[in-house]
Amino acid sequence: MPVRTHRETHRSYRVGWLRAGVLGAQDGIVSTASLLIGVAAAGGDHTEILVAGIAALVAGAMSMAAGEFSSVSSQRDTEVADIARETRELAHYPEHELEELTQIYQGRGLDRALAREVATELMQADPLGSHIRDELGLHPATMARPAQASLVSATSFGVGAGLALLTAAVAPASARIAVIAVVTLVLLATLGVVGARLGGASALRAAIRITVGGGLAMVATALIGALVGTAV
């Protein structure tokens, strides 16, 4: 009888760029749309709204790029430092590291003898890789990538902000705030669904989560814009 293989689809390898992409796009849509609504509510004309939107797009994309690179670089530095520490400990205290690995496998349900046997085999085959995976919990596919996160986040921010800006540019003056709000909510819901599909998660939950947050941000900036416009 032929052996049938069971194919499984895992998406955890996407977590680095997917997180950065969703964060950047959401921030671009929400922050830019909220700013545009705030300026419109304060009585800004078409030119003022567009200038504010363009400034928000450029500044936001650069800020996202720099912020992602700095924060993910800090994570990467920590990971590299932990790997270097494991490398030194394996070179100077191999028995201690073997015992650490044995206890890890015992904690996962193996008896002492089998855990020791597995740890010994893995230490012979790939000592550093075994400790990186099982002691540090790191995997090459999910380790921090600063340049990737920076590029993806800035690009997705620019796309999200650009869509919000385009909406403001073509929306009629009499219904500008309403059009921006409705289109923004649709964009956010779409982003939530796409992000969830790429990650294999619940599309409805993601869409609701991201849409509610964006809606609250737009309401807050609209109120502030109206108050400031009235006061001025």
C-alpha atoms as a PDB file:
ATOM      1  CA  MET A   1       0.000   0.000   0.000  1.00  0.00           C
ATOM      2  CA  PRO A   2       1.423   3.406  -0.918  1.00  0.00           C
ATOM      3  CA  VAL A   3       2.002   5.790   1.969  1.00  0.00           C
ATOM      4  CA  ARG A   4      -0.057   8.940   1.708  1.00  0.00           C
ATOM      5  CA  THR A   5       1.630  12.086   2.889  1.00  0.00           C
ATOM      6  CA  HIS A   6      -0.374  14.686   4.783  1.00  0.00           C
ATOM      7  CA  ARG A   7       0.387  18.173   3.540  1.00  0.00           C
ATOM      8  CA  GLU A   8       0.147  20.949   6.088  1.00  0.00           C
ATOM      9  CA  THR A   9       0.227  24.655   5.361  1.00  0.00           C
ATOM     10  CA  HIS A  10       1.880  26.816   7.991  1.00  0.00           C
ATOM     11  CA  ARG A  11       2.169  30.576   7.737  1.00  0.00           C
ATOM     12  CA  SER A  12       4.342  31.498  10.704  1.00  0.00           C
ATOM     13  CA  TYR A  13       7.254  32.200   8.373  1.00  0.00           C
ATOM     14  CA  ARG A  14       5.307  35.240   7.155  1.00  0.00           C
ATOM     15  CA  VAL A  15       5.006  36.789  10.594  1.00  0.00           C
ATOM     16  CA  GLY A  16       7.880  39.271  10.189  1.00  0.00           C
ATOM     17  CA  TRP A  17       6.839  41.013   6.980  1.00  0.00           C
ATOM     18  CA  LEU A  18       3.113  40.447   7.563  1.00  0.00           C
ATOM     19  CA  ARG A  19       3.208  42.224  10.933  1.00  0.00           C
ATOM     20  CA  ALA A  20       5.148  45.125   9.442  1.00  0.00           C
ATOM     21  CA  GLY A  21       2.858  45.304   6.423  1.00  0.00           C
ATOM     22  CA  VAL A  22      -0.394  45.325   8.367  1.00  0.00           C
ATOM     23  CA  LEU A  23       0.966  47.805  10.897  1.00  0.00           C
ATOM     24  CA  GLY A  24       2.233  50.156   8.209  1.00  0.00           C
ATOM     25  CA  ALA A  25      -0.918  50.006   6.088  1.00  0.00           C
ATOM     26  CA  GLN A  26      -3.219  50.453   9.074  1.00  0.00           C
ATOM     27  CA  ASP A  27      -1.194  53.362  10.379  1.00  0.00           C
ATOM     28  CA  GLY A  28      -1.066  54.964   6.933  1.00  0.00           C
ATOM     29  CA  ILE A  29      -4.820  54.684   6.406  1.00  0.00           C
ATOM     30  CA  VAL A  30      -5.917  55.665   9.902  1.00  0.00           C
ATOM     31  CA  SER A  31      -3.451  58.462  10.650  1.00  0.00           C
ATOM     32  CA  THR A  32      -3.776  60.120   7.256  1.00  0.00           C
ATOM     33  CA  ALA A  33      -7.549  59.773   7.025  1.00  0.00           C
ATOM     34  CA  SER A  34      -7.955  61.029  10.580  1.00  0.00           C
ATOM     35  CA  LEU A  35      -5.723  64.019   9.872  1.00  0.00           C
ATOM     36  CA  LEU A  36      -7.645  64.827   6.686  1.00  0.00           C
ATOM     37  CA  ILE A  37     -10.957  64.594   8.515  1.00  0.00           C
ATOM     38  CA  GLY A  38      -9.631  66.802  11.300  1.00  0.00           C
ATOM     39  CA  VAL A  39      -8.442  69.481   8.860  1.00  0.00           C
ATOM     40  CA  ALA A  40     -11.723  69.304   6.935  1.00  0.00           C
ATOM     41  CA  ALA A  41     -13.742  69.553  10.154  1.00  0.00           C
ATOM     42  CA  ALA A  42     -11.714  72.611  11.130  1.00  0.00           C
ATOM     43  CA  GLY A  43     -12.791  74.305   7.902  1.00  0.00           C
ATOM     44  CA  GLY A  44      -9.711  73.688   5.780  1.00  0.00           C
ATOM     45  CA  ASP A  45     -10.129  74.122   2.033  1.00  0.00           C
ATOM     46  CA  HIS A  46      -9.216  71.589  -0.661  1.00  0.00           C
ATOM     47  CA  THR A  47      -5.616  72.791  -1.005  1.00  0.00           C
ATOM     48  CA  GLU A  48      -4.965  72.829   2.726  1.00  0.00           C
ATOM     49  CA  ILE A  49      -6.345  69.305   3.082  1.00  0.00           C
ATOM     50  CA  LEU A  50      -4.155  67.971   0.282  1.00  0.00           C
ATOM     51  CA  VAL A  51      -1.018  69.690   1.593  1.00  0.00           C
ATOM     52  CA  ALA A  52      -1.633  68.253   5.047  1.00  0.00           C
ATOM     53  CA  GLY A  53      -2.220  64.815   3.550  1.00  0.00           C
ATOM     54  CA  ILE A  54       0.949  64.849   1.455  1.00  0.00           C
ATOM     55  CA  ALA A  55       2.995  65.981   4.437  1.00  0.00           C
ATOM     56  CA  ALA A  56       1.483  63.211   6.554  1.00  0.00           C
ATOM     57  CA  LEU A  57       2.253  60.603   3.890  1.00  0.00           C
ATOM     58  CA  VAL A  58       5.905  61.572   3.488  1.00  0.00           C
ATOM     59  CA  ALA A  59       6.617  62.126   7.167  1.00  0.00           C
ATOM     60  CA  GLY A  60       4.727  59.009   8.206  1.00  0.00           C
ATOM     61  CA  ALA A  61       6.456  56.716   5.718  1.00  0.00           C
ATOM     62  CA  MET A  62       9.896  57.964   6.769  1.00  0.00           C
ATOM     63  CA  SER A  63       8.983  57.664  10.431  1.00  0.00           C
ATOM     64  CA  MET A  64       7.711  54.117   9.966  1.00  0.00           C
ATOM     65  CA  ALA A  65      10.879  53.132   8.112  1.00  0.00           C
ATOM     66  CA  ALA A  66      13.156  54.567  10.787  1.00  0.00           C
ATOM     67  CA  GLY A  67      11.059  53.305  13.685  1.00  0.00           C
ATOM     68  CA  GLU A  68      10.744  49.757  12.350  1.00  0.00           C
ATOM     69  CA  PHE A  69      14.441  49.572  11.547  1.00  0.00           C
ATOM     70  CA  SER A  70      15.441  50.761  15.015  1.00  0.00           C
ATOM     71  CA  SER A  71      13.013  48.580  16.960  1.00  0.00           C
ATOM     72  CA  VAL A  72      13.556  45.410  14.930  1.00  0.00           C
ATOM     73  CA  SER A  73      17.329  46.003  15.011  1.00  0.00           C
ATOM     74  CA  SER A  74      17.125  45.978  18.810  1.00  0.00           C
ATOM     75  CA  GLN A  75      15.346  42.632  18.647  1.00  0.00           C
ATOM     76  CA  ARG A  76      17.915  41.326  16.178  1.00  0.00           C
ATOM     77  CA  ASP A  77      20.800  42.492  18.390  1.00  0.00           C
ATOM     78  CA  THR A  78      19.314  40.592  21.325  1.00  0.00           C
ATOM     79  CA  GLU A  79      18.904  37.437  19.259  1.00  0.00           C
ATOM     80  CA  VAL A  80      22.466  37.629  17.945  1.00  0.00           C
ATOM     81  CA  ALA A  81      23.802  38.218  21.462  1.00  0.00           C
ATOM     82  CA  ASP A  82      21.935  35.162  22.770  1.00  0.00           C
ATOM     83  CA  ILE A  83      23.290  33.016  19.941  1.00  0.00           C
ATOM     84  CA  ALA A  84      26.828  34.232  20.636  1.00  0.00           C
ATOM     85  CA  ARG A  85      26.375  33.396  24.312  1.00  0.00           C
ATOM     86  CA  GLU A  86      25.205  29.879  23.460  1.00  0.00           C
ATOM     87  CA  THR A  87      28.184  29.439  21.148  1.00  0.00           C
ATOM     88  CA  ARG A  88      30.586  30.315  23.981  1.00  0.00           C
ATOM     89  CA  GLU A  89      28.821  28.072  26.469  1.00  0.00           C
ATOM     90  CA  LEU A  90      28.876  25.124  24.066  1.00  0.00           C
ATOM     91  CA  ALA A  91      32.603  25.606  23.578  1.00  0.00           C
ATOM     92  CA  HIS A  92      33.427  25.849  27.304  1.00  0.00           C
ATOM     93  CA  TYR A  93      30.676  23.876  29.071  1.00  0.00           C
ATOM     94  CA  PRO A  94      29.421  21.137  26.711  1.00  0.00           C
ATOM     95  CA  GLU A  95      28.270  18.840  29.549  1.00  0.00           C
ATOM     96  CA  HIS A  96      26.275  21.610  31.142  1.00  0.00           C
ATOM     97  CA  GLU A  97      24.634  22.382  27.788  1.00  0.00           C
ATOM     98  CA  LEU A  98      23.860  18.711  27.265  1.00  0.00           C
ATOM     99  CA  GLU A  99      22.135  18.617  30.633  1.00  0.00           C
ATOM    100  CA  GLU A 100      20.147  21.751  29.768  1.00  0.00           C
ATOM    101  CA  LEU A 101      18.906  20.139  26.579  1.00  0.00           C
ATOM    102  CA  THR A 102      18.069  16.930  28.439  1.00  0.00           C
ATOM    103  CA  GLN A 103      15.963  18.821  30.974  1.00  0.00           C
ATOM    104  CA  ILE A 104      14.149  20.680  28.202  1.00  0.00           C
ATOM    105  CA  TYR A 105      13.067  17.408  26.618  1.00  0.00           C
ATOM    106  CA  GLN A 106      12.122  15.998  30.004  1.00  0.00           C
ATOM    107  CA  GLY A 107       9.906  19.000  30.514  1.00  0.00           C
ATOM    108  CA  ARG A 108       8.185  18.190  27.230  1.00  0.00           C
ATOM    109  CA  GLY A 109       7.226  14.725  28.395  1.00  0.00           C
ATOM    110  CA  LEU A 110      10.144  12.385  27.644  1.00  0.00           C
ATOM    111  CA  ASP A 111      11.530  10.179  30.376  1.00  0.00           C
ATOM    112  CA  ARG A 112      15.052  10.905  31.596  1.00  0.00           C
ATOM    113  CA  ALA A 113      16.796   8.147  29.606  1.00  0.00           C
ATOM    114  CA  LEU A 114      15.096   8.986  26.306  1.00  0.00           C
ATOM    115  CA  ALA A 115      15.553  12.708  26.825  1.00  0.00           C
ATOM    116  CA  ARG A 116      19.264  12.152  27.388  1.00  0.00           C
ATOM    117  CA  GLU A 117      19.519   9.997  24.283  1.00  0.00           C
ATOM    118  CA  VAL A 118      17.743  12.566  22.122  1.00  0.00           C
ATOM    119  CA  ALA A 119      19.838  15.407  23.530  1.00  0.00           C
ATOM    120  CA  THR A 120      23.048  13.467  22.892  1.00  0.00           C
ATOM    121  CA  GLU A 121      22.089  12.709  19.300  1.00  0.00           C
ATOM    122  CA  LEU A 122      21.167  16.317  18.590  1.00  0.00           C
ATOM    123  CA  MET A 123      24.312  17.639  20.262  1.00  0.00           C
ATOM    124  CA  GLN A 124      26.346  15.457  17.950  1.00  0.00           C
ATOM    125  CA  ALA A 125      24.439  16.424  14.825  1.00  0.00           C
ATOM    126  CA  ASP A 126      23.826  20.148  15.380  1.00  0.00           C
ATOM    127  CA  PRO A 127      24.674  21.408  18.867  1.00  0.00           C
ATOM    128  CA  LEU A 128      24.215  25.128  18.261  1.00  0.00           C
ATOM    129  CA  GLY A 129      21.069  24.710  16.158  1.00  0.00           C
ATOM    130  CA  SER A 130      19.519  22.494  18.813  1.00  0.00           C
ATOM    131  CA  HIS A 131      20.036  25.085  21.531  1.00  0.00           C
ATOM    132  CA  ILE A 132      18.925  27.966  19.312  1.00  0.00           C
ATOM    133  CA  ARG A 133      15.638  26.203  18.574  1.00  0.00           C
ATOM    134  CA  ASP A 134      14.884  24.459  21.850  1.00  0.00           C
ATOM    135  CA  GLU A 135      16.504  26.646  24.498  1.00  0.00           C
ATOM    136  CA  LEU A 136      16.209  30.101  22.940  1.00  0.00           C
ATOM    137  CA  GLY A 137      13.044  29.396  20.958  1.00  0.00           C
ATOM    138  CA  LEU A 138      14.451  30.968  17.806  1.00  0.00           C
ATOM    139  CA  HIS A 139      14.007  29.805  14.223  1.00  0.00           C
ATOM    140  CA  PRO A 140      15.691  31.193  11.088  1.00  0.00           C
ATOM    141  CA  ALA A 141      12.318  31.773   9.403  1.00  0.00           C
ATOM    142  CA  THR A 142      11.000  33.994  12.193  1.00  0.00           C
ATOM    143  CA  MET A 143      14.127  35.833  13.329  1.00  0.00           C
ATOM    144  CA  ALA A 144      14.094  39.629  13.164  1.00  0.00           C
ATOM    145  CA  ARG A 145      14.936  41.227   9.805  1.00  0.00           C
ATOM    146  CA  PRO A 146      15.300  45.005  10.267  1.00  0.00           C
ATOM    147  CA  ALA A 147      15.723  45.950   6.597  1.00  0.00           C
ATOM    148  CA  GLN A 148      12.744  43.857   5.524  1.00  0.00           C
ATOM    149  CA  ALA A 149      10.505  45.247   8.273  1.00  0.00           C
ATOM    150  CA  SER A 150      11.566  48.810   7.484  1.00  0.00           C
ATOM    151  CA  LEU A 151      10.931  48.519   3.745  1.00  0.00           C
ATOM    152  CA  VAL A 152       7.622  46.676   4.063  1.00  0.00           C
ATOM    153  CA  SER A 153       6.297  49.007   6.755  1.00  0.00           C
ATOM    154  CA  ALA A 154       7.226  52.204   4.899  1.00  0.00           C
ATOM    155  CA  THR A 155       5.839  50.923   1.611  1.00  0.00           C
ATOM    156  CA  SER A 156       2.560  49.736   3.095  1.00  0.00           C
ATOM    157  CA  PHE A 157       2.215  53.014   4.995  1.00  0.00           C
ATOM    158  CA  GLY A 158       2.670  54.947   1.761  1.00  0.00           C
ATOM    159  CA  VAL A 159       0.062  52.832  -0.025  1.00  0.00           C
ATOM    160  CA  GLY A 160      -2.449  53.186   2.803  1.00  0.00           C
ATOM    161  CA  ALA A 161      -1.876  56.925   3.163  1.00  0.00           C
ATOM    162  CA  GLY A 162      -2.004  57.368  -0.601  1.00  0.00           C
ATOM    163  CA  LEU A 163      -5.424  55.735  -0.812  1.00  0.00           C
ATOM    164  CA  ALA A 164      -6.742  57.981   1.957  1.00  0.00           C
ATOM    165  CA  LEU A 165      -5.268  61.035   0.235  1.00  0.00           C
ATOM    166  CA  LEU A 166      -6.739  60.039  -3.131  1.00  0.00           C
ATOM    167  CA  THR A 167     -10.141  59.689  -1.502  1.00  0.00           C
ATOM    168  CA  ALA A 168      -9.909  63.206  -0.084  1.00  0.00           C
ATOM    169  CA  ALA A 169      -8.787  64.579  -3.431  1.00  0.00           C
ATOM    170  CA  VAL A 170     -11.778  63.239  -5.387  1.00  0.00           C
ATOM    171  CA  ALA A 171     -14.456  63.509  -2.693  1.00  0.00           C
ATOM    172  CA  PRO A 172     -16.992  66.346  -3.169  1.00  0.00           C
ATOM    173  CA  ALA A 173     -16.562  69.202  -0.725  1.00  0.00           C
ATOM    174  CA  SER A 174     -20.137  68.876   0.527  1.00  0.00           C
ATOM    175  CA  ALA A 175     -19.598  65.285   1.675  1.00  0.00           C
ATOM    176  CA  ARG A 176     -15.813  65.108   2.059  1.00  0.00           C
ATOM    177  CA  ILE A 177     -15.735  63.980   5.681  1.00  0.00           C
ATOM    178  CA  ALA A 178     -18.397  61.320   5.181  1.00  0.00           C
ATOM    179  CA  VAL A 179     -16.755  59.953   2.029  1.00  0.00           C
ATOM    180  CA  ILE A 180     -13.318  59.793   3.663  1.00  0.00           C
ATOM    181  CA  ALA A 181     -14.776  58.037   6.710  1.00  0.00           C
ATOM    182  CA  VAL A 182     -16.731  55.443   4.720  1.00  0.00           C
ATOM    183  CA  VAL A 183     -13.877  54.657   2.319  1.00  0.00           C
ATOM    184  CA  THR A 184     -11.442  54.438   5.204  1.00  0.00           C
ATOM    185  CA  LEU A 185     -13.612  51.935   7.051  1.00  0.00           C
ATOM    186  CA  VAL A 186     -13.898  49.844   3.885  1.00  0.00           C
ATOM    187  CA  LEU A 187     -10.125  49.967   3.383  1.00  0.00           C
ATOM    188  CA  LEU A 188      -9.513  48.948   6.983  1.00  0.00           C
ATOM    189  CA  ALA A 189     -11.964  46.064   6.789  1.00  0.00           C
ATOM    190  CA  THR A 190     -10.308  44.905   3.566  1.00  0.00           C
ATOM    191  CA  LEU A 191      -6.885  45.150   5.150  1.00  0.00           C
ATOM    192  CA  GLY A 192      -8.078  43.097   8.105  1.00  0.00           C
ATOM    193  CA  VAL A 193      -9.441  40.384   5.836  1.00  0.00           C
ATOM    194  CA  VAL A 194      -6.335  40.265   3.637  1.00  0.00           C
ATOM    195  CA  GLY A 195      -3.998  40.194   6.634  1.00  0.00           C
ATOM    196  CA  ALA A 196      -6.018  37.439   8.268  1.00  0.00           C
ATOM    197  CA  ARG A 197      -6.083  35.360   5.091  1.00  0.00           C
ATOM    198  CA  LEU A 198      -2.334  35.666   4.662  1.00  0.00           C
ATOM    199  CA  GLY A 199      -1.839  34.604   8.268  1.00  0.00           C
ATOM    200  CA  GLY A 200      -4.501  31.903   8.285  1.00  0.00           C
ATOM    201  CA  ALA A 201      -6.526  33.619  11.025  1.00  0.00           C
ATOM    202  CA  SER A 202     -10.167  34.635  11.422  1.00  0.00           C
ATOM    203  CA  ALA A 203     -11.019  37.260   8.801  1.00  0.00           C
ATOM    204  CA  LEU A 204     -14.108  38.556  10.618  1.00  0.00           C
ATOM    205  CA  ARG A 205     -12.319  39.080  13.915  1.00  0.00           C
ATOM    206  CA  ALA A 206      -9.425  40.883  12.245  1.00  0.00           C
ATOM    207  CA  ALA A 207     -11.733  43.099  10.195  1.00  0.00           C
ATOM    208  CA  ILE A 208     -13.776  44.116  13.246  1.00  0.00           C
ATOM    209  CA  ARG A 209     -10.697  44.773  15.358  1.00  0.00           C
ATOM    210  CA  ILE A 210      -8.989  46.997  12.841  1.00  0.00           C
ATOM    211  CA  THR A 211     -12.158  48.814  11.750  1.00  0.00           C
ATOM    212  CA  VAL A 212     -13.316  49.713  15.252  1.00  0.00           C
ATOM    213  CA  GLY A 213      -9.922  51.143  16.143  1.00  0.00           C
ATOM    214  CA  GLY A 214      -9.779  53.238  12.981  1.00  0.00           C
ATOM    215  CA  GLY A 215     -13.344  54.451  13.446  1.00  0.00           C
ATOM    216  CA  LEU A 216     -12.625  55.683  16.949  1.00  0.00           C
ATOM    217  CA  ALA A 217      -9.529  57.542  15.734  1.00  0.00           C
ATOM    218  CA  MET A 218     -11.515  59.330  13.021  1.00  0.00           C
ATOM    219  CA  VAL A 219     -14.288  60.296  15.418  1.00  0.00           C
ATOM    220  CA  ALA A 220     -11.766  61.753  17.865  1.00  0.00           C
ATOM    221  CA  THR A 221      -9.955  63.842  15.243  1.00  0.00           C
ATOM    222  CA  ALA A 222     -13.230  65.034  13.730  1.00  0.00           C
ATOM    223  CA  LEU A 223     -14.373  66.303  17.128  1.00  0.00           C
ATOM    224  CA  ILE A 224     -11.043  67.981  17.802  1.00  0.00           C
ATOM    225  CA  GLY A 225     -11.034  69.561  14.326  1.00  0.00           C
ATOM    226  CA  ALA A 226     -14.558  70.871  14.782  1.00  0.00           C
ATOM    227  CA  LEU A 227     -13.738  72.338  18.205  1.00  0.00           C
ATOM    228  CA  VAL A 228     -10.507  73.945  17.017  1.00  0.00           C
ATOM    229  CA  GLY A 229     -12.175  75.306  13.879  1.00  0.00           C
ATOM    230  CA  THR A 230     -14.977  76.830  15.898  1.00  0.00           C
ATOM    231  CA  ALA A 231     -12.572  78.361  18.404  1.00  0.00           C
ATOM    232  CA  VAL A 232     -10.326  79.832  15.730  1.00  0.00           C
END
